[in-house]
Amino acid sequence: MQNKRLEKKKTTIKMKTLNPYYNESFGYDVTPEKMQRVHLHITVSDYDRVGSNERIGQVIIGPTASGAGLKHWTDMLQTPRRSVAQWHTLQPFHED
């Protein structure tokens, strides 16, 4: 199966820190048929005005995730149409 980006959203920029924290929410409309085939891939990058933005880390939330990412996904599925808050720690970024 080919990976396809369905939607992209950005948070606010956290200036002058390599240890940012975010308390932001995003909403997505996903049909029940697609729920077992989609995941959220969150990437945090170091924003540079000059040059390229270096990726700091990532979080994956979905049915193929593990640990907190899988628990968050399961909690969201058990309470449809309600917000489920969860703090996540960034994991190292791996090239696929």
PDB file of N, CA and C in Angstrom:
ATOM      1  N   MET A   1       0.839  -1.187   0.000  1.00  0.00           N
ATOM      2  CA  MET A   1       0.000   0.000   0.000  1.00  0.00           C
ATOM      3  C   MET A   1       0.880   1.244   0.000  1.00  0.00           C
ATOM      4  N   GLN A   2       0.524   2.214  -0.787  1.00  0.00           N
ATOM      5  CA  GLN A   2       1.312   3.431  -0.922  1.00  0.00           C
ATOM      6  C   GLN A   2       0.873   4.462   0.115  1.00  0.00           C
ATOM      7  N   ASN A   3       1.862   5.124   0.753  1.00  0.00           N
ATOM      8  CA  ASN A   3       1.547   6.193   1.697  1.00  0.00           C
ATOM      9  C   ASN A   3       1.157   7.436   0.934  1.00  0.00           C
ATOM     10  N   LYS A   4       0.091   8.092   1.372  1.00  0.00           N
ATOM     11  CA  LYS A   4      -0.402   9.289   0.712  1.00  0.00           C
ATOM     12  C   LYS A   4      -0.798  10.295   1.778  1.00  0.00           C
ATOM     13  N   ARG A   5      -0.273  11.501   1.684  1.00  0.00           N
ATOM     14  CA  ARG A   5      -0.635  12.546   2.637  1.00  0.00           C
ATOM     15  C   ARG A   5      -2.030  13.050   2.300  1.00  0.00           C
ATOM     16  N   LEU A   6      -2.923  12.980   3.276  1.00  0.00           N
ATOM     17  CA  LEU A   6      -4.286  13.445   3.069  1.00  0.00           C
ATOM     18  C   LEU A   6      -4.452  14.904   3.458  1.00  0.00           C
ATOM     19  N   GLU A   7      -3.718  15.327   4.479  1.00  0.00           N
ATOM     20  CA  GLU A   7      -3.864  16.694   4.961  1.00  0.00           C
ATOM     21  C   GLU A   7      -2.617  17.088   5.746  1.00  0.00           C
ATOM     22  N   LYS A   8      -2.313  18.383   5.747  1.00  0.00           N
ATOM     23  CA  LYS A   8      -1.156  18.891   6.464  1.00  0.00           C
ATOM     24  C   LYS A   8      -1.576  20.135   7.234  1.00  0.00           C
ATOM     25  N   LYS A   9      -1.183  20.225   8.497  1.00  0.00           N
ATOM     26  CA  LYS A   9      -1.475  21.398   9.323  1.00  0.00           C
ATOM     27  C   LYS A   9      -0.211  21.780  10.077  1.00  0.00           C
ATOM     28  N   LYS A  10      -0.079  23.067  10.384  1.00  0.00           N
ATOM     29  CA  LYS A  10       1.093  23.561  11.104  1.00  0.00           C
ATOM     30  C   LYS A  10       0.690  24.187  12.429  1.00  0.00           C
ATOM     31  N   THR A  11       1.568  24.016  13.417  1.00  0.00           N
ATOM     32  CA  THR A  11       1.381  24.670  14.709  1.00  0.00           C
ATOM     33  C   THR A  11       2.025  26.057  14.650  1.00  0.00           C
ATOM     34  N   THR A  12       1.947  26.780  15.757  1.00  0.00           N
ATOM     35  CA  THR A  12       2.673  28.038  15.864  1.00  0.00           C
ATOM     36  C   THR A  12       4.163  27.731  15.984  1.00  0.00           C
ATOM     37  N   ILE A  13       5.002  28.695  15.646  1.00  0.00           N
ATOM     38  CA  ILE A  13       6.456  28.534  15.758  1.00  0.00           C
ATOM     39  C   ILE A  13       6.877  28.895  17.174  1.00  0.00           C
ATOM     40  N   LYS A  14       7.660  28.038  17.807  1.00  0.00           N
ATOM     41  CA  LYS A  14       8.198  28.291  19.136  1.00  0.00           C
ATOM     42  C   LYS A  14       9.631  28.781  18.964  1.00  0.00           C
ATOM     43  N   MET A  15       9.839  30.065  19.196  1.00  0.00           N
ATOM     44  CA  MET A  15      11.131  30.698  18.927  1.00  0.00           C
ATOM     45  C   MET A  15      12.153  30.423  20.034  1.00  0.00           C
ATOM     46  N   LYS A  16      13.410  30.306  19.631  1.00  0.00           N
ATOM     47  CA  LYS A  16      14.579  30.253  20.503  1.00  0.00           C
ATOM     48  C   LYS A  16      14.551  29.124  21.525  1.00  0.00           C
ATOM     49  N   THR A  17      14.119  27.941  21.119  1.00  0.00           N
ATOM     50  CA  THR A  17      14.183  26.782  22.000  1.00  0.00           C
ATOM     51  C   THR A  17      14.329  25.508  21.177  1.00  0.00           C
ATOM     52  N   LEU A  18      15.169  24.606  21.662  1.00  0.00           N
ATOM     53  CA  LEU A  18      15.279  23.285  21.045  1.00  0.00           C
ATOM     54  C   LEU A  18      14.458  22.273  21.836  1.00  0.00           C
ATOM     55  N   ASN A  19      13.729  22.749  22.857  1.00  0.00           N
ATOM     56  CA  ASN A  19      12.853  21.899  23.656  1.00  0.00           C
ATOM     57  C   ASN A  19      11.450  22.498  23.684  1.00  0.00           C
ATOM     58  N   PRO A  20      10.812  22.585  22.534  1.00  0.00           N
ATOM     59  CA  PRO A  20       9.487  23.211  22.484  1.00  0.00           C
ATOM     60  C   PRO A  20       8.414  22.304  23.083  1.00  0.00           C
ATOM     61  N   TYR A  21       7.356  22.914  23.588  1.00  0.00           N
ATOM     62  CA  TYR A  21       6.180  22.135  23.954  1.00  0.00           C
ATOM     63  C   TYR A  21       4.981  22.806  23.310  1.00  0.00           C
ATOM     64  N   TYR A  22       4.019  21.997  22.965  1.00  0.00           N
ATOM     65  CA  TYR A  22       2.841  22.461  22.245  1.00  0.00           C
ATOM     66  C   TYR A  22       1.600  22.003  22.991  1.00  0.00           C
ATOM     67  N   ASN A  23       0.620  22.872  23.054  1.00  0.00           N
ATOM     68  CA  ASN A  23      -0.672  22.516  23.620  1.00  0.00           C
ATOM     69  C   ASN A  23      -1.711  22.973  22.607  1.00  0.00           C
ATOM     70  N   GLU A  24      -1.712  22.312  21.470  1.00  0.00           N
ATOM     71  CA  GLU A  24      -2.580  22.687  20.360  1.00  0.00           C
ATOM     72  C   GLU A  24      -3.404  21.479  19.941  1.00  0.00           C
ATOM     73  N   SER A  25      -4.549  21.744  19.345  1.00  0.00           N
ATOM     74  CA  SER A  25      -5.390  20.640  18.893  1.00  0.00           C
ATOM     75  C   SER A  25      -5.695  20.791  17.411  1.00  0.00           C
ATOM     76  N   PHE A  26      -5.919  19.652  16.787  1.00  0.00           N
ATOM     77  CA  PHE A  26      -6.268  19.593  15.373  1.00  0.00           C
ATOM     78  C   PHE A  26      -7.444  18.652  15.220  1.00  0.00           C
ATOM     79  N   GLY A  27      -8.328  18.981  14.309  1.00  0.00           N
ATOM     80  CA  GLY A  27      -9.449  18.109  14.028  1.00  0.00           C
ATOM     81  C   GLY A  27      -9.405  17.645  12.582  1.00  0.00           C
ATOM     82  N   TYR A  28      -9.728  16.375  12.382  1.00  0.00           N
ATOM     83  CA  TYR A  28      -9.748  15.790  11.046  1.00  0.00           C
ATOM     84  C   TYR A  28     -11.031  14.986  10.892  1.00  0.00           C
ATOM     85  N   ASP A  29     -11.626  15.037   9.722  1.00  0.00           N
ATOM     86  CA  ASP A  29     -12.777  14.196   9.415  1.00  0.00           C
ATOM     87  C   ASP A  29     -12.283  12.979   8.643  1.00  0.00           C
ATOM     88  N   VAL A  30     -12.441  11.806   9.248  1.00  0.00           N
ATOM     89  CA  VAL A  30     -12.006  10.552   8.629  1.00  0.00           C
ATOM     90  C   VAL A  30     -13.187   9.588   8.665  1.00  0.00           C
ATOM     91  N   THR A  31     -13.479   8.989   7.542  1.00  0.00           N
ATOM     92  CA  THR A  31     -14.588   8.042   7.493  1.00  0.00           C
ATOM     93  C   THR A  31     -14.235   6.787   8.293  1.00  0.00           C
ATOM     94  N   PRO A  32     -15.243   6.124   8.856  1.00  0.00           N
ATOM     95  CA  PRO A  32     -14.968   4.903   9.624  1.00  0.00           C
ATOM     96  C   PRO A  32     -14.205   3.849   8.819  1.00  0.00           C
ATOM     97  N   GLU A  33     -14.463   3.772   7.507  1.00  0.00           N
ATOM     98  CA  GLU A  33     -13.776   2.789   6.682  1.00  0.00           C
ATOM     99  C   GLU A  33     -12.265   3.030   6.616  1.00  0.00           C
ATOM    100  N   LYS A  34     -11.843   4.277   6.753  1.00  0.00           N
ATOM    101  CA  LYS A  34     -10.419   4.609   6.634  1.00  0.00           C
ATOM    102  C   LYS A  34      -9.681   4.610   7.968  1.00  0.00           C
ATOM    103  N   MET A  35     -10.387   4.485   9.073  1.00  0.00           N
ATOM    104  CA  MET A  35      -9.753   4.630  10.390  1.00  0.00           C
ATOM    105  C   MET A  35      -8.632   3.619  10.655  1.00  0.00           C
ATOM    106  N   GLN A  36      -8.707   2.421  10.112  1.00  0.00           N
ATOM    107  CA  GLN A  36      -7.653   1.435  10.335  1.00  0.00           C
ATOM    108  C   GLN A  36      -6.520   1.545   9.320  1.00  0.00           C
ATOM    109  N   ARG A  37      -6.646   2.485   8.368  1.00  0.00           N
ATOM    110  CA  ARG A  37      -5.607   2.643   7.348  1.00  0.00           C
ATOM    111  C   ARG A  37      -4.875   3.976   7.431  1.00  0.00           C
ATOM    112  N   VAL A  38      -5.255   4.838   8.357  1.00  0.00           N
ATOM    113  CA  VAL A  38      -4.614   6.142   8.453  1.00  0.00           C
ATOM    114  C   VAL A  38      -3.851   6.254   9.774  1.00  0.00           C
ATOM    115  N   HIS A  39      -2.935   7.191   9.823  1.00  0.00           N
ATOM    116  CA  HIS A  39      -2.234   7.521  11.062  1.00  0.00           C
ATOM    117  C   HIS A  39      -1.842   8.992  11.014  1.00  0.00           C
ATOM    118  N   LEU A  40      -1.521   9.532  12.162  1.00  0.00           N
ATOM    119  CA  LEU A  40      -1.004  10.892  12.252  1.00  0.00           C
ATOM    120  C   LEU A  40       0.507  10.801  12.384  1.00  0.00           C
ATOM    121  N   HIS A  41       1.207  11.544  11.551  1.00  0.00           N
ATOM    122  CA  HIS A  41       2.667  11.593  11.599  1.00  0.00           C
ATOM    123  C   HIS A  41       3.032  13.037  11.910  1.00  0.00           C
ATOM    124  N   ILE A  42       3.478  13.273  13.126  1.00  0.00           N
ATOM    125  CA  ILE A  42       3.799  14.621  13.599  1.00  0.00           C
ATOM    126  C   ILE A  42       5.312  14.774  13.584  1.00  0.00           C
ATOM    127  N   THR A  43       5.780  15.784  12.862  1.00  0.00           N
ATOM    128  CA  THR A  43       7.214  16.062  12.761  1.00  0.00           C
ATOM    129  C   THR A  43       7.495  17.447  13.332  1.00  0.00           C
ATOM    130  N   VAL A  44       8.510  17.543  14.185  1.00  0.00           N
ATOM    131  CA  VAL A  44       8.920  18.826  14.761  1.00  0.00           C
ATOM    132  C   VAL A  44      10.268  19.193  14.158  1.00  0.00           C
ATOM    133  N   SER A  45      10.340  20.424  13.622  1.00  0.00           N
ATOM    134  CA  SER A  45      11.563  20.887  12.963  1.00  0.00           C
ATOM    135  C   SER A  45      12.076  22.154  13.608  1.00  0.00           C
ATOM    136  N   ASP A  46      13.388  22.327  13.550  1.00  0.00           N
ATOM    137  CA  ASP A  46      14.046  23.555  13.993  1.00  0.00           C
ATOM    138  C   ASP A  46      13.911  24.558  12.856  1.00  0.00           C
ATOM    139  N   TYR A  47      13.176  25.625  13.083  1.00  0.00           N
ATOM    140  CA  TYR A  47      12.918  26.642  12.059  1.00  0.00           C
ATOM    141  C   TYR A  47      14.133  27.559  11.911  1.00  0.00           C
ATOM    142  N   ASP A  48      14.643  27.681  10.697  1.00  0.00           N
ATOM    143  CA  ASP A  48      15.757  28.584  10.405  1.00  0.00           C
ATOM    144  C   ASP A  48      15.333  29.533   9.301  1.00  0.00           C
ATOM    145  N   ARG A  49      15.596  30.821   9.509  1.00  0.00           N
ATOM    146  CA  ARG A  49      15.265  31.794   8.464  1.00  0.00           C
ATOM    147  C   ARG A  49      16.168  31.625   7.249  1.00  0.00           C
ATOM    148  N   VAL A  50      17.403  31.218   7.504  1.00  0.00           N
ATOM    149  CA  VAL A  50      18.352  30.989   6.416  1.00  0.00           C
ATOM    150  C   VAL A  50      18.709  29.509   6.423  1.00  0.00           C
ATOM    151  N   GLY A  51      18.708  28.897   5.272  1.00  0.00           N
ATOM    152  CA  GLY A  51      19.051  27.482   5.190  1.00  0.00           C
ATOM    153  C   GLY A  51      17.832  26.608   5.376  1.00  0.00           C
ATOM    154  N   SER A  52      18.091  25.331   5.615  1.00  0.00           N
ATOM    155  CA  SER A  52      16.985  24.377   5.728  1.00  0.00           C
ATOM    156  C   SER A  52      16.587  24.179   7.188  1.00  0.00           C
ATOM    157  N   ASN A  53      15.376  23.710   7.390  1.00  0.00           N
ATOM    158  CA  ASN A  53      14.869  23.420   8.723  1.00  0.00           C
ATOM    159  C   ASN A  53      15.256  21.992   9.101  1.00  0.00           C
ATOM    160  N   GLU A  54      15.947  21.847  10.225  1.00  0.00           N
ATOM    161  CA  GLU A  54      16.411  20.537  10.683  1.00  0.00           C
ATOM    162  C   GLU A  54      15.320  19.863  11.511  1.00  0.00           C
ATOM    163  N   ARG A  55      15.031  18.602  11.208  1.00  0.00           N
ATOM    164  CA  ARG A  55      14.012  17.871  11.956  1.00  0.00           C
ATOM    165  C   ARG A  55      14.562  17.471  13.320  1.00  0.00           C
ATOM    166  N   ILE A  56      13.783  17.772  14.379  1.00  0.00           N
ATOM    167  CA  ILE A  56      14.181  17.459  15.750  1.00  0.00           C
ATOM    168  C   ILE A  56      13.695  16.070  16.149  1.00  0.00           C
ATOM    169  N   GLY A  57      12.451  15.748  15.829  1.00  0.00           N
ATOM    170  CA  GLY A  57      11.894  14.462  16.210  1.00  0.00           C
ATOM    171  C   GLY A  57      10.499  14.280  15.652  1.00  0.00           C
ATOM    172  N   GLN A  58       9.874  13.171  16.018  1.00  0.00           N
ATOM    173  CA  GLN A  58       8.562  12.847  15.461  1.00  0.00           C
ATOM    174  C   GLN A  58       7.732  12.072  16.472  1.00  0.00           C
ATOM    175  N   VAL A  59       6.425  12.045  16.210  1.00  0.00           N
ATOM    176  CA  VAL A  59       5.470  11.224  16.956  1.00  0.00           C
ATOM    177  C   VAL A  59       4.531  10.619  15.926  1.00  0.00           C
ATOM    178  N   ILE A  60       4.244   9.336  16.063  1.00  0.00           N
ATOM    179  CA  ILE A  60       3.279   8.681  15.193  1.00  0.00           C
ATOM    180  C   ILE A  60       2.137   8.181  16.064  1.00  0.00           C
ATOM    181  N   ILE A  61       0.911   8.539  15.654  1.00  0.00           N
ATOM    182  CA  ILE A  61      -0.296   8.138  16.372  1.00  0.00           C
ATOM    183  C   ILE A  61      -1.166   7.386  15.383  1.00  0.00           C
ATOM    184  N   GLY A  62      -1.510   6.151  15.705  1.00  0.00           N
ATOM    185  CA  GLY A  62      -2.341   5.380  14.788  1.00  0.00           C
ATOM    186  C   GLY A  62      -2.370   3.911  15.127  1.00  0.00           C
ATOM    187  N   PRO A  63      -3.046   3.119  14.292  1.00  0.00           N
ATOM    188  CA  PRO A  63      -3.205   1.692  14.576  1.00  0.00           C
ATOM    189  C   PRO A  63      -1.913   0.896  14.484  1.00  0.00           C
ATOM    190  N   THR A  64      -0.904   1.399  13.781  1.00  0.00           N
ATOM    191  CA  THR A  64       0.363   0.671  13.676  1.00  0.00           C
ATOM    192  C   THR A  64       1.424   1.229  14.616  1.00  0.00           C
ATOM    193  N   ALA A  65       1.058   2.238  15.420  1.00  0.00           N
ATOM    194  CA  ALA A  65       1.990   2.830  16.382  1.00  0.00           C
ATOM    195  C   ALA A  65       2.141   1.895  17.583  1.00  0.00           C
ATOM    196  N   SER A  66       3.030   2.264  18.489  1.00  0.00           N
ATOM    197  CA  SER A  66       3.196   1.504  19.725  1.00  0.00           C
ATOM    198  C   SER A  66       3.219   2.483  20.890  1.00  0.00           C
ATOM    199  N   GLY A  67       3.153   1.970  22.104  1.00  0.00           N
ATOM    200  CA  GLY A  67       3.241   2.809  23.289  1.00  0.00           C
ATOM    201  C   GLY A  67       2.160   3.870  23.358  1.00  0.00           C
ATOM    202  N   ALA A  68       2.567   5.112  23.684  1.00  0.00           N
ATOM    203  CA  ALA A  68       1.625   6.220  23.863  1.00  0.00           C
ATOM    204  C   ALA A  68       0.877   6.547  22.571  1.00  0.00           C
ATOM    205  N   GLY A  69       1.516   6.378  21.420  1.00  0.00           N
ATOM    206  CA  GLY A  69       0.857   6.654  20.142  1.00  0.00           C
ATOM    207  C   GLY A  69      -0.303   5.714  19.869  1.00  0.00           C
ATOM    208  N   LEU A  70      -0.153   4.453  20.223  1.00  0.00           N
ATOM    209  CA  LEU A  70      -1.234   3.483  20.050  1.00  0.00           C
ATOM    210  C   LEU A  70      -2.323   3.698  21.100  1.00  0.00           C
ATOM    211  N   LYS A  71      -1.929   4.000  22.340  1.00  0.00           N
ATOM    212  CA  LYS A  71      -2.914   4.244  23.399  1.00  0.00           C
ATOM    213  C   LYS A  71      -3.770   5.457  23.065  1.00  0.00           C
ATOM    214  N   HIS A  72      -3.158   6.537  22.591  1.00  0.00           N
ATOM    215  CA  HIS A  72      -3.894   7.744  22.217  1.00  0.00           C
ATOM    216  C   HIS A  72      -4.898   7.413  21.108  1.00  0.00           C
ATOM    217  N   TRP A  73      -4.477   6.663  20.114  1.00  0.00           N
ATOM    218  CA  TRP A  73      -5.347   6.271  19.002  1.00  0.00           C
ATOM    219  C   TRP A  73      -6.539   5.458  19.517  1.00  0.00           C
ATOM    220  N   THR A  74      -6.266   4.477  20.374  1.00  0.00           N
ATOM    221  CA  THR A  74      -7.321   3.634  20.927  1.00  0.00           C
ATOM    222  C   THR A  74      -8.308   4.458  21.747  1.00  0.00           C
ATOM    223  N   ASP A  75      -7.784   5.385  22.564  1.00  0.00           N
ATOM    224  CA  ASP A  75      -8.652   6.245  23.370  1.00  0.00           C
ATOM    225  C   ASP A  75      -9.544   7.114  22.481  1.00  0.00           C
ATOM    226  N   MET A  76      -8.999   7.619  21.369  1.00  0.00           N
ATOM    227  CA  MET A  76      -9.792   8.438  20.452  1.00  0.00           C
ATOM    228  C   MET A  76     -10.899   7.616  19.804  1.00  0.00           C
ATOM    229  N   LEU A  77     -10.600   6.386  19.413  1.00  0.00           N
ATOM    230  CA  LEU A  77     -11.608   5.534  18.786  1.00  0.00           C
ATOM    231  C   LEU A  77     -12.736   5.170  19.752  1.00  0.00           C
ATOM    232  N   GLN A  78     -12.413   5.072  21.042  1.00  0.00           N
ATOM    233  CA  GLN A  78     -13.420   4.705  22.036  1.00  0.00           C
ATOM    234  C   GLN A  78     -14.342   5.867  22.391  1.00  0.00           C
ATOM    235  N   THR A  79     -13.942   7.095  22.070  1.00  0.00           N
ATOM    236  CA  THR A  79     -14.766   8.267  22.386  1.00  0.00           C
ATOM    237  C   THR A  79     -14.894   9.158  21.152  1.00  0.00           C
ATOM    238  N   PRO A  80     -15.632   8.693  20.131  1.00  0.00           N
ATOM    239  CA  PRO A  80     -15.752   9.486  18.900  1.00  0.00           C
ATOM    240  C   PRO A  80     -16.393  10.851  19.158  1.00  0.00           C
ATOM    241  N   ARG A  81     -15.946  11.832  18.373  1.00  0.00           N
ATOM    242  CA  ARG A  81     -16.448  13.208  18.425  1.00  0.00           C
ATOM    243  C   ARG A  81     -16.137  13.929  19.737  1.00  0.00           C
ATOM    244  N   ARG A  82     -15.191  13.398  20.500  1.00  0.00           N
ATOM    245  CA  ARG A  82     -14.760  14.065  21.726  1.00  0.00           C
ATOM    246  C   ARG A  82     -13.255  14.229  21.675  1.00  0.00           C
ATOM    247  N   SER A  83     -12.774  15.306  22.249  1.00  0.00           N
ATOM    248  CA  SER A  83     -11.324  15.539  22.296  1.00  0.00           C
ATOM    249  C   SER A  83     -10.676  14.596  23.295  1.00  0.00           C
ATOM    250  N   VAL A  84      -9.507  14.096  22.929  1.00  0.00           N
ATOM    251  CA  VAL A  84      -8.719  13.247  23.823  1.00  0.00           C
ATOM    252  C   VAL A  84      -7.326  13.859  23.891  1.00  0.00           C
ATOM    253  N   ALA A  85      -6.986  14.419  25.039  1.00  0.00           N
ATOM    254  CA  ALA A  85      -5.690  15.071  25.217  1.00  0.00           C
ATOM    255  C   ALA A  85      -4.647  14.059  25.676  1.00  0.00           C
ATOM    256  N   GLN A  86      -3.437  14.179  25.152  1.00  0.00           N
ATOM    257  CA  GLN A  86      -2.355  13.273  25.512  1.00  0.00           C
ATOM    258  C   GLN A  86      -1.027  13.957  25.227  1.00  0.00           C
ATOM    259  N   TRP A  87      -0.119  13.970  26.193  1.00  0.00           N
ATOM    260  CA  TRP A  87       1.224  14.485  25.965  1.00  0.00           C
ATOM    261  C   TRP A  87       2.051  13.399  25.316  1.00  0.00           C
ATOM    262  N   HIS A  88       2.891  13.786  24.347  1.00  0.00           N
ATOM    263  CA  HIS A  88       3.772  12.838  23.670  1.00  0.00           C
ATOM    264  C   HIS A  88       5.201  13.356  23.726  1.00  0.00           C
ATOM    265  N   THR A  89       6.145  12.445  23.877  1.00  0.00           N
ATOM    266  CA  THR A  89       7.565  12.767  23.836  1.00  0.00           C
ATOM    267  C   THR A  89       8.069  12.474  22.434  1.00  0.00           C
ATOM    268  N   LEU A  90       8.851  13.391  21.879  1.00  0.00           N
ATOM    269  CA  LEU A  90       9.386  13.179  20.533  1.00  0.00           C
ATOM    270  C   LEU A  90      10.313  11.980  20.491  1.00  0.00           C
ATOM    271  N   GLN A  91      10.215  11.239  19.405  1.00  0.00           N
ATOM    272  CA  GLN A  91      11.097  10.113  19.134  1.00  0.00           C
ATOM    273  C   GLN A  91      12.085  10.536  18.051  1.00  0.00           C
ATOM    274  N   PRO A  92      13.244   9.910  17.995  1.00  0.00           N
ATOM    275  CA  PRO A  92      14.209  10.254  16.932  1.00  0.00           C
ATOM    276  C   PRO A  92      13.595  10.058  15.564  1.00  0.00           C
ATOM    277  N   PHE A  93      14.028  10.868  14.634  1.00  0.00           N
ATOM    278  CA  PHE A  93      13.521  10.788  13.255  1.00  0.00           C
ATOM    279  C   PHE A  93      14.344   9.764  12.490  1.00  0.00           C
ATOM    280  N   HIS A  94      13.650   8.818  11.841  1.00  0.00           N
ATOM    281  CA  HIS A  94      14.316   7.795  11.042  1.00  0.00           C
ATOM    282  C   HIS A  94      13.883   7.941   9.604  1.00  0.00           C
ATOM    283  N   GLU A  95      14.821   7.937   8.692  1.00  0.00           N
ATOM    284  CA  GLU A  95      14.491   7.955   7.266  1.00  0.00           C
ATOM    285  C   GLU A  95      13.949   6.582   6.883  1.00  0.00           C
ATOM    286  N   ASP A  96      12.858   6.540   6.125  1.00  0.00           N
ATOM    287  CA  ASP A  96      12.301   5.256   5.680  1.00  0.00           C
ATOM    288  C   ASP A  96      12.988   4.768   4.448  1.00  0.00           C
TER     289      ASP A  96
END
